[in-house]
Amino acid sequence: MCQDVNIDQLKKQLQSFLNQLDKLEPSQASVEDVDRLIKLIEEMEQKLT
């Protein structure tokens, strides 16, 4: 059951990441925007290990 909850949380985080990525305008993206997205990926990776 706990693993199912973790998988659901990761799915939600991944969807949030994809939504933010879709909204990001490449020509207007700042370093902070990219750093925030990288941090989200790193957090998801940590939860998988």
Protein backbone atom coordinates (compact mmCIF):
# COMPACT_ATOMS: atom_id res chain seq x y z
CA MET A 1 0.00 0.00 0.00
CA CYS A 2 2.78 2.45 0.91
CA GLN A 3 4.48 1.78 -2.41
CA ASP A 4 1.21 2.55 -4.23
CA VAL A 5 1.01 5.89 -2.43
CA ASN A 6 4.61 6.69 -3.40
CA ILE A 7 3.92 5.82 -7.02
CA ASP A 8 0.83 8.03 -7.02
CA GLN A 9 2.82 10.90 -5.54
CA LEU A 10 5.52 10.48 -8.16
CA LYS A 11 2.93 10.44 -10.92
CA LYS A 12 1.46 13.70 -9.62
CA GLN A 13 4.90 15.29 -9.40
CA LEU A 14 5.75 14.15 -12.91
CA GLN A 15 2.50 15.57 -14.23
CA SER A 16 3.22 18.84 -12.45
CA PHE A 17 6.69 18.90 -13.99
CA LEU A 18 5.30 18.26 -17.47
CA ASN A 19 2.69 21.00 -17.03
CA GLN A 20 5.35 23.49 -15.98
CA LEU A 21 7.55 22.44 -18.88
CA ASP A 22 4.68 22.94 -21.34
CA LYS A 23 4.01 26.44 -19.98
CA LEU A 24 7.66 27.46 -20.13
CA GLU A 25 8.42 29.86 -22.95
CA PRO A 26 11.97 28.99 -24.09
CA SER A 27 12.84 32.53 -25.13
CA GLN A 28 11.72 33.90 -21.75
CA ALA A 29 12.94 31.11 -19.45
CA SER A 30 15.25 32.23 -16.71
CA VAL A 31 18.01 30.31 -15.00
CA GLU A 32 15.76 30.11 -11.95
CA ASP A 33 13.00 28.46 -14.02
CA VAL A 34 15.40 25.81 -15.27
CA ASP A 35 16.87 25.31 -11.79
CA ARG A 36 13.38 24.79 -10.35
CA LEU A 37 12.60 22.13 -12.96
CA ILE A 38 15.92 20.39 -12.34
CA LYS A 39 15.19 20.40 -8.61
CA LEU A 40 11.83 18.73 -9.23
CA ILE A 41 13.53 15.98 -11.24
CA GLU A 42 16.16 15.48 -8.54
CA GLU A 43 13.46 15.18 -5.87
CA MET A 44 11.66 12.55 -7.91
CA GLU A 45 14.91 10.62 -8.40
CA GLN A 46 15.59 10.64 -4.65
CA LYS A 47 12.16 9.20 -3.94
CA LEU A 48 12.82 6.35 -6.34
CA THR A 49 15.97 5.25 -4.55
